[in-house]
PDB file of N, CA and C in Angstrom:
ATOM      1  N   MET A   1     -61.360  25.987 -22.727  1.00  0.00           N
ATOM      2  CA  MET A   1     -60.185  26.147 -23.544  1.00  0.00           C
ATOM      3  C   MET A   1     -58.960  26.469 -22.686  1.00  0.00           C
ATOM      4  N   ARG A   2     -59.195  27.285 -21.643  1.00  0.00           N
ATOM      5  CA  ARG A   2     -58.076  27.630 -20.771  1.00  0.00           C
ATOM      6  C   ARG A   2     -57.542  26.402 -20.045  1.00  0.00           C
ATOM      7  N   ALA A   3     -58.423  25.525 -19.607  1.00  0.00           N
ATOM      8  CA  ALA A   3     -57.997  24.322 -18.886  1.00  0.00           C
ATOM      9  C   ALA A   3     -57.188  23.412 -19.806  1.00  0.00           C
ATOM     10  N   ARG A   4     -57.606  23.354 -21.054  1.00  0.00           N
ATOM     11  CA  ARG A   4     -56.889  22.515 -22.023  1.00  0.00           C
ATOM     12  C   ARG A   4     -55.497  23.086 -22.289  1.00  0.00           C
ATOM     13  N   THR A   5     -55.379  24.378 -22.397  1.00  0.00           N
ATOM     14  CA  THR A   5     -54.091  25.019 -22.624  1.00  0.00           C
ATOM     15  C   THR A   5     -53.188  24.847 -21.407  1.00  0.00           C
ATOM     16  N   ALA A   6     -53.771  24.997 -20.221  1.00  0.00           N
ATOM     17  CA  ALA A   6     -52.987  24.833 -19.002  1.00  0.00           C
ATOM     18  C   ALA A   6     -52.513  23.396 -18.858  1.00  0.00           C
ATOM     19  N   ALA A   7     -53.364  22.433 -19.188  1.00  0.00           N
ATOM     20  CA  ALA A   7     -52.987  21.030 -19.104  1.00  0.00           C
ATOM     21  C   ALA A   7     -51.899  20.700 -20.117  1.00  0.00           C
ATOM     22  N   GLY A   8     -52.001  21.237 -21.301  1.00  0.00           N
ATOM     23  CA  GLY A   8     -50.981  21.014 -22.330  1.00  0.00           C
ATOM     24  C   GLY A   8     -49.652  21.618 -21.937  1.00  0.00           C
ATOM     25  N   THR A   9     -49.689  22.813 -21.365  1.00  0.00           N
ATOM     26  CA  THR A   9     -48.459  23.464 -20.921  1.00  0.00           C
ATOM     27  C   THR A   9     -47.819  22.693 -19.775  1.00  0.00           C
ATOM     28  N   LEU A  10     -48.651  22.254 -18.846  1.00  0.00           N
ATOM     29  CA  LEU A  10     -48.146  21.470 -17.719  1.00  0.00           C
ATOM     30  C   LEU A  10     -47.521  20.160 -18.193  1.00  0.00           C
ATOM     31  N   ALA A  11     -48.160  19.486 -19.139  1.00  0.00           N
ATOM     32  CA  ALA A  11     -47.624  18.231 -19.679  1.00  0.00           C
ATOM     33  C   ALA A  11     -46.307  18.477 -20.409  1.00  0.00           C
ATOM     34  N   LEU A  12     -46.208  19.571 -21.111  1.00  0.00           N
ATOM     35  CA  LEU A  12     -44.990  19.898 -21.843  1.00  0.00           C
ATOM     36  C   LEU A  12     -43.839  20.191 -20.874  1.00  0.00           C
ATOM     37  N   VAL A  13     -44.141  20.931 -19.810  1.00  0.00           N
ATOM     38  CA  VAL A  13     -43.105  21.253 -18.830  1.00  0.00           C
ATOM     39  C   VAL A  13     -42.669  19.991 -18.091  1.00  0.00           C
ATOM     40  N   MET A  14     -43.622  19.168 -17.646  1.00  0.00           N
ATOM     41  CA  MET A  14     -43.273  17.952 -16.920  1.00  0.00           C
ATOM     42  C   MET A  14     -42.541  16.953 -17.817  1.00  0.00           C
ATOM     43  N   GLY A  15     -42.851  16.929 -19.084  1.00  0.00           N
ATOM     44  CA  GLY A  15     -42.171  16.036 -20.012  1.00  0.00           C
ATOM     45  C   GLY A  15     -40.713  16.395 -20.192  1.00  0.00           C
ATOM     46  N   SER A  16     -40.394  17.652 -20.119  1.00  0.00           N
ATOM     47  CA  SER A  16     -39.006  18.078 -20.273  1.00  0.00           C
ATOM     48  C   SER A  16     -38.233  17.975 -18.965  1.00  0.00           C
ATOM     49  N   VAL A  17     -38.923  17.879 -17.839  1.00  0.00           N
ATOM     50  CA  VAL A  17     -38.268  17.819 -16.540  1.00  0.00           C
ATOM     51  C   VAL A  17     -37.874  16.388 -16.177  1.00  0.00           C
ATOM     52  N   THR A  18     -38.486  15.391 -16.787  1.00  0.00           N
ATOM     53  CA  THR A  18     -38.234  14.009 -16.370  1.00  0.00           C
ATOM     54  C   THR A  18     -36.778  13.611 -16.502  1.00  0.00           C
ATOM     55  N   SER A  19     -36.073  14.118 -17.509  1.00  0.00           N
ATOM     56  CA  SER A  19     -34.661  13.755 -17.636  1.00  0.00           C
ATOM     57  C   SER A  19     -33.833  14.404 -16.532  1.00  0.00           C
ATOM     58  N   ALA A  20     -34.246  15.529 -16.024  1.00  0.00           N
ATOM     59  CA  ALA A  20     -33.522  16.183 -14.937  1.00  0.00           C
ATOM     60  C   ALA A  20     -33.725  15.437 -13.622  1.00  0.00           C
ATOM     61  N   LEU A  21     -34.830  14.721 -13.479  1.00  0.00           N
ATOM     62  CA  LEU A  21     -35.112  13.993 -12.252  1.00  0.00           C
ATOM     63  C   LEU A  21     -34.543  12.581 -12.264  1.00  0.00           C
ATOM     64  N   ALA A  22     -33.965  12.176 -13.381  1.00  0.00           N
ATOM     65  CA  ALA A  22     -33.436  10.821 -13.493  1.00  0.00           C
ATOM     66  C   ALA A  22     -32.166  10.681 -12.649  1.00  0.00           C
ATOM     67  N   ALA A  23     -31.875   9.457 -12.273  1.00  0.00           N
ATOM     68  CA  ALA A  23     -30.682   9.193 -11.478  1.00  0.00           C
ATOM     69  C   ALA A  23     -29.440   9.371 -12.336  1.00  0.00           C
ATOM     70  N   SER A  24     -28.379   9.820 -11.732  1.00  0.00           N
ATOM     71  CA  SER A  24     -27.151  10.080 -12.477  1.00  0.00           C
ATOM     72  C   SER A  24     -26.370   8.801 -12.761  1.00  0.00           C
ATOM     73  N   GLY A  25     -26.642   7.743 -12.042  1.00  0.00           N
ATOM     74  CA  GLY A  25     -25.933   6.486 -12.235  1.00  0.00           C
ATOM     75  C   GLY A  25     -24.802   6.302 -11.243  1.00  0.00           C
ATOM     76  N   ALA A  26     -24.301   7.372 -10.681  1.00  0.00           N
ATOM     77  CA  ALA A  26     -23.253   7.259  -9.672  1.00  0.00           C
ATOM     78  C   ALA A  26     -23.891   6.927  -8.330  1.00  0.00           C
ATOM     79  N   ARG A  27     -23.272   6.008  -7.626  1.00  0.00           N
ATOM     80  CA  ARG A  27     -23.835   5.569  -6.344  1.00  0.00           C
ATOM     81  C   ARG A  27     -22.987   6.124  -5.211  1.00  0.00           C
ATOM     82  N   GLU A  28     -23.614   6.790  -4.296  1.00  0.00           N
ATOM     83  CA  GLU A  28     -22.921   7.287  -3.120  1.00  0.00           C
ATOM     84  C   GLU A  28     -23.439   6.530  -1.908  1.00  0.00           C
ATOM     85  N   ASP A  29     -22.526   5.883  -1.189  1.00  0.00           N
ATOM     86  CA  ASP A  29     -22.980   5.130  -0.024  1.00  0.00           C
ATOM     87  C   ASP A  29     -22.381   5.648   1.278  1.00  0.00           C
ATOM     88  N   ASN A  30     -21.417   6.572   1.201  1.00  0.00           N
ATOM     89  CA  ASN A  30     -20.818   7.190   2.383  1.00  0.00           C
ATOM     90  C   ASN A  30     -20.330   6.156   3.404  1.00  0.00           C
ATOM     91  N   SER A  31     -19.820   5.036   2.937  1.00  0.00           N
ATOM     92  CA  SER A  31     -19.306   4.007   3.835  1.00  0.00           C
ATOM     93  C   SER A  31     -17.870   4.345   4.192  1.00  0.00           C
ATOM     94  N   GLY A  32     -17.620   4.388   5.468  1.00  0.00           N
ATOM     95  CA  GLY A  32     -16.276   4.681   5.927  1.00  0.00           C
ATOM     96  C   GLY A  32     -15.426   3.425   6.007  1.00  0.00           C
ATOM     97  N   VAL A  33     -14.223   3.595   6.503  1.00  0.00           N
ATOM     98  CA  VAL A  33     -13.292   2.486   6.591  1.00  0.00           C
ATOM     99  C   VAL A  33     -13.763   1.452   7.621  1.00  0.00           C
ATOM    100  N   PHE A  34     -14.459   1.900   8.653  1.00  0.00           N
ATOM    101  CA  PHE A  34     -14.914   0.960   9.679  1.00  0.00           C
ATOM    102  C   PHE A  34     -15.991   0.018   9.156  1.00  0.00           C
ATOM    103  N   VAL A  35     -16.810   0.476   8.216  1.00  0.00           N
ATOM    104  CA  VAL A  35     -17.821  -0.394   7.596  1.00  0.00           C
ATOM    105  C   VAL A  35     -17.128  -1.483   6.789  1.00  0.00           C
ATOM    106  N   TRP A  36     -16.082  -1.114   6.050  1.00  0.00           N
ATOM    107  CA  TRP A  36     -15.371  -2.103   5.238  1.00  0.00           C
ATOM    108  C   TRP A  36     -14.599  -3.085   6.116  1.00  0.00           C
ATOM    109  N   ILE A  37     -14.072  -2.627   7.238  1.00  0.00           N
ATOM    110  CA  ILE A  37     -13.406  -3.538   8.175  1.00  0.00           C
ATOM    111  C   ILE A  37     -14.413  -4.530   8.759  1.00  0.00           C
ATOM    112  N   PHE A  38     -15.584  -4.049   9.104  1.00  0.00           N
ATOM    113  CA  PHE A  38     -16.627  -4.918   9.644  1.00  0.00           C
ATOM    114  C   PHE A  38     -17.058  -5.958   8.612  1.00  0.00           C
ATOM    115  N   LEU A  39     -17.261  -5.541   7.372  1.00  0.00           N
ATOM    116  CA  LEU A  39     -17.663  -6.486   6.323  1.00  0.00           C
ATOM    117  C   LEU A  39     -16.563  -7.511   6.053  1.00  0.00           C
ATOM    118  N   GLY A  40     -15.309  -7.095   6.111  1.00  0.00           N
ATOM    119  CA  GLY A  40     -14.196  -8.034   5.944  1.00  0.00           C
ATOM    120  C   GLY A  40     -14.146  -9.042   7.076  1.00  0.00           C
ATOM    121  N   PHE A  41     -14.420  -8.598   8.288  1.00  0.00           N
ATOM    122  CA  PHE A  41     -14.450  -9.499   9.440  1.00  0.00           C
ATOM    123  C   PHE A  41     -15.581 -10.515   9.296  1.00  0.00           C
ATOM    124  N   CYS A  42     -16.739 -10.064   8.829  1.00  0.00           N
ATOM    125  CA  CYS A  42     -17.865 -10.992   8.597  1.00  0.00           C
ATOM    126  C   CYS A  42     -17.509 -12.031   7.537  1.00  0.00           C
ATOM    127  N   ALA A  43     -16.840 -11.603   6.475  1.00  0.00           N
ATOM    128  CA  ALA A  43     -16.421 -12.538   5.430  1.00  0.00           C
ATOM    129  C   ALA A  43     -15.415 -13.539   5.969  1.00  0.00           C
ATOM    130  N   LEU A  44     -14.535 -13.082   6.849  1.00  0.00           N
ATOM    131  CA  LEU A  44     -13.554 -13.972   7.449  1.00  0.00           C
ATOM    132  C   LEU A  44     -14.222 -15.041   8.312  1.00  0.00           C
ATOM    133  N   ILE A  45     -15.243 -14.670   9.043  1.00  0.00           N
ATOM    134  CA  ILE A  45     -15.981 -15.634   9.865  1.00  0.00           C
ATOM    135  C   ILE A  45     -16.667 -16.676   8.979  1.00  0.00           C
ATOM    136  N   ILE A  46     -17.269 -16.237   7.894  1.00  0.00           N
ATOM    137  CA  ILE A  46     -17.971 -17.160   6.996  1.00  0.00           C
ATOM    138  C   ILE A  46     -16.988 -18.153   6.379  1.00  0.00           C
ATOM    139  N   VAL A  47     -15.848 -17.666   5.903  1.00  0.00           N
ATOM    140  CA  VAL A  47     -14.850 -18.558   5.296  1.00  0.00           C
ATOM    141  C   VAL A  47     -14.296 -19.524   6.333  1.00  0.00           C
ATOM    142  N   ALA A  48     -14.078 -19.046   7.552  1.00  0.00           N
ATOM    143  CA  ALA A  48     -13.552 -19.911   8.608  1.00  0.00           C
ATOM    144  C   ALA A  48     -14.534 -21.022   8.969  1.00  0.00           C
ATOM    145  N   GLN A  49     -15.811 -20.799   8.782  1.00  0.00           N
ATOM    146  CA  GLN A  49     -16.791 -21.845   9.063  1.00  0.00           C
ATOM    147  C   GLN A  49     -17.017 -22.761   7.869  1.00  0.00           C
ATOM    148  N   LEU A  50     -16.742 -22.289   6.667  1.00  0.00           N
ATOM    149  CA  LEU A  50     -16.931 -23.120   5.486  1.00  0.00           C
ATOM    150  C   LEU A  50     -15.850 -24.191   5.348  1.00  0.00           C
ATOM    151  N   VAL A  51     -14.629 -23.889   5.750  1.00  0.00           N
ATOM    152  CA  VAL A  51     -13.523 -24.843   5.588  1.00  0.00           C
ATOM    153  C   VAL A  51     -13.782 -26.139   6.367  1.00  0.00           C
ATOM    154  N   PRO A  52     -14.093 -26.104   7.664  1.00  0.00           N
ATOM    155  CA  PRO A  52     -14.370 -27.369   8.363  1.00  0.00           C
ATOM    156  C   PRO A  52     -15.624 -28.074   7.834  1.00  0.00           C
ATOM    157  N   ALA A  53     -16.610 -27.306   7.377  1.00  0.00           N
ATOM    158  CA  ALA A  53     -17.822 -27.934   6.842  1.00  0.00           C
ATOM    159  C   ALA A  53     -17.509 -28.727   5.580  1.00  0.00           C
ATOM    160  N   VAL A  54     -16.687 -28.166   4.706  1.00  0.00           N
ATOM    161  CA  VAL A  54     -16.321 -28.874   3.473  1.00  0.00           C
ATOM    162  C   VAL A  54     -15.498 -30.111   3.806  1.00  0.00           C
ATOM    163  N   LEU A  55     -14.563 -29.995   4.746  1.00  0.00           N
ATOM    164  CA  LEU A  55     -13.761 -31.163   5.127  1.00  0.00           C
ATOM    165  C   LEU A  55     -14.628 -32.263   5.743  1.00  0.00           C
ATOM    166  N   THR A  56     -15.630 -31.878   6.533  1.00  0.00           N
ATOM    167  CA  THR A  56     -16.536 -32.864   7.120  1.00  0.00           C
ATOM    168  C   THR A  56     -17.357 -33.564   6.040  1.00  0.00           C
ATOM    169  N   MET A  57     -17.836 -32.802   5.072  1.00  0.00           N
ATOM    170  CA  MET A  57     -18.616 -33.418   3.987  1.00  0.00           C
ATOM    171  C   MET A  57     -17.767 -34.372   3.164  1.00  0.00           C
ATOM    172  N   LEU A  58     -16.517 -33.996   2.904  1.00  0.00           N
ATOM    173  CA  LEU A  58     -15.632 -34.899   2.159  1.00  0.00           C
ATOM    174  C   LEU A  58     -15.363 -36.172   2.954  1.00  0.00           C
ATOM    175  N   GLY A  59     -15.188 -36.051   4.263  1.00  0.00           N
ATOM    176  CA  GLY A  59     -14.994 -37.238   5.104  1.00  0.00           C
ATOM    177  C   GLY A  59     -16.210 -38.134   5.119  1.00  0.00           C
ATOM    178  N   MET A  60     -17.398 -37.524   5.161  1.00  0.00           N
ATOM    179  CA  MET A  60     -18.629 -38.328   5.131  1.00  0.00           C
ATOM    180  C   MET A  60     -18.776 -39.034   3.793  1.00  0.00           C
ATOM    181  N   ALA A  61     -18.453 -38.354   2.703  1.00  0.00           N
ATOM    182  CA  ALA A  61     -18.553 -38.981   1.379  1.00  0.00           C
ATOM    183  C   ALA A  61     -17.567 -40.139   1.261  1.00  0.00           C
ATOM    184  N   LYS A  62     -16.381 -39.959   1.825  1.00  0.00           N
ATOM    185  CA  LYS A  62     -15.391 -41.041   1.801  1.00  0.00           C
ATOM    186  C   LYS A  62     -15.878 -42.240   2.612  1.00  0.00           C
ATOM    187  N   GLY A  63     -16.493 -41.988   3.775  1.00  0.00           N
ATOM    188  CA  GLY A  63     -17.028 -43.076   4.596  1.00  0.00           C
ATOM    189  C   GLY A  63     -18.157 -43.818   3.911  1.00  0.00           C
ATOM    190  N   VAL A  64     -19.028 -43.089   3.237  1.00  0.00           N
ATOM    191  CA  VAL A  64     -20.137 -43.732   2.512  1.00  0.00           C
ATOM    192  C   VAL A  64     -19.595 -44.575   1.371  1.00  0.00           C
ATOM    193  N   LYS A  65     -18.589 -44.061   0.684  1.00  0.00           N
ATOM    194  CA  LYS A  65     -17.992 -44.804  -0.425  1.00  0.00           C
ATOM    195  C   LYS A  65     -17.353 -46.107   0.070  1.00  0.00           C
ATOM    196  N   GLU A  66     -16.684 -46.033   1.197  1.00  0.00           N
ATOM    197  CA  GLU A  66     -16.050 -47.238   1.741  1.00  0.00           C
ATOM    198  C   GLU A  66     -17.075 -48.243   2.241  1.00  0.00           C
ATOM    199  N   SER A  67     -18.188 -47.765   2.785  1.00  0.00           N
ATOM    200  CA  SER A  67     -19.187 -48.701   3.305  1.00  0.00           C
ATOM    201  C   SER A  67     -19.906 -49.424   2.173  1.00  0.00           C
ATOM    202  N   PHE A  68     -20.079 -48.771   1.015  1.00  0.00           N
ATOM    203  CA  PHE A  68     -20.703 -49.448  -0.117  1.00  0.00           C
ATOM    204  C   PHE A  68     -19.722 -50.375  -0.833  1.00  0.00           C
ATOM    205  N   GLY A  69     -18.452 -50.141  -0.668  1.00  0.00           N
ATOM    206  CA  GLY A  69     -17.443 -50.965  -1.330  1.00  0.00           C
ATOM    207  C   GLY A  69     -17.283 -52.327  -0.677  1.00  0.00           C
ATOM    208  N   GLU A  70     -17.614 -52.436   0.591  1.00  0.00           N
ATOM    209  CA  GLU A  70     -17.481 -53.715   1.274  1.00  0.00           C
ATOM    210  C   GLU A  70     -18.616 -54.649   0.893  1.00  0.00           C
ATOM    211  N   ARG A  71     -18.266 -55.916   0.735  1.00  0.00           N
ATOM    212  CA  ARG A  71     -19.310 -56.896   0.431  1.00  0.00           C
ATOM    213  C   ARG A  71     -19.834 -57.492   1.722  1.00  0.00           C
ATOM    214  N   ALA A  72     -21.068 -57.795   1.705  1.00  0.00           N
ATOM    215  CA  ALA A  72     -21.672 -58.394   2.894  1.00  0.00           C
ATOM    216  C   ALA A  72     -21.191 -59.851   3.029  1.00  0.00           C
ATOM    217  N   GLU A  73     -20.742 -60.164   4.218  1.00  0.00           N
ATOM    218  CA  GLU A  73     -20.259 -61.529   4.438  1.00  0.00           C
ATOM    219  C   GLU A  73     -21.440 -62.421   4.820  1.00  0.00           C
ATOM    220  N   VAL A  74     -21.458 -63.582   4.223  1.00  0.00           N
ATOM    221  CA  VAL A  74     -22.502 -64.553   4.532  1.00  0.00           C
ATOM    222  C   VAL A  74     -21.940 -65.543   5.527  1.00  0.00           C
ATOM    223  N   LYS A  75     -22.590 -65.592   6.673  1.00  0.00           N
ATOM    224  CA  LYS A  75     -22.127 -66.532   7.701  1.00  0.00           C
ATOM    225  C   LYS A  75     -22.940 -67.807   7.589  1.00  0.00           C
ATOM    226  N   SER A  76     -22.263 -68.897   7.489  1.00  0.00           N
ATOM    227  CA  SER A  76     -22.971 -70.182   7.450  1.00  0.00           C
ATOM    228  C   SER A  76     -23.065 -70.743   8.851  1.00  0.00           C
ATOM    229  N   ARG A  77     -24.157 -71.416   9.116  1.00  0.00           N
ATOM    230  CA  ARG A  77     -24.389 -71.953  10.463  1.00  0.00           C
ATOM    231  C   ARG A  77     -23.773 -73.259  10.612  1.00  0.00           C
TER     232      ARG A  77
END
């Protein structure tokens, strides 16, 4: 009987404590200004590499379009 009472009391106490152990929802990351400068620099590098890649793809698409637009010439002997 004592074990059952102790288990019930323990379950009751732990059940009421779970809300106190929950996360508050606020996020603390302690990131300083140098972390944000570094992340901005990384983003700048990515954007600088995307611009020429997009221009190259557009040029390739234009070349493919022009090559399909030409008709094959038939040479007679």
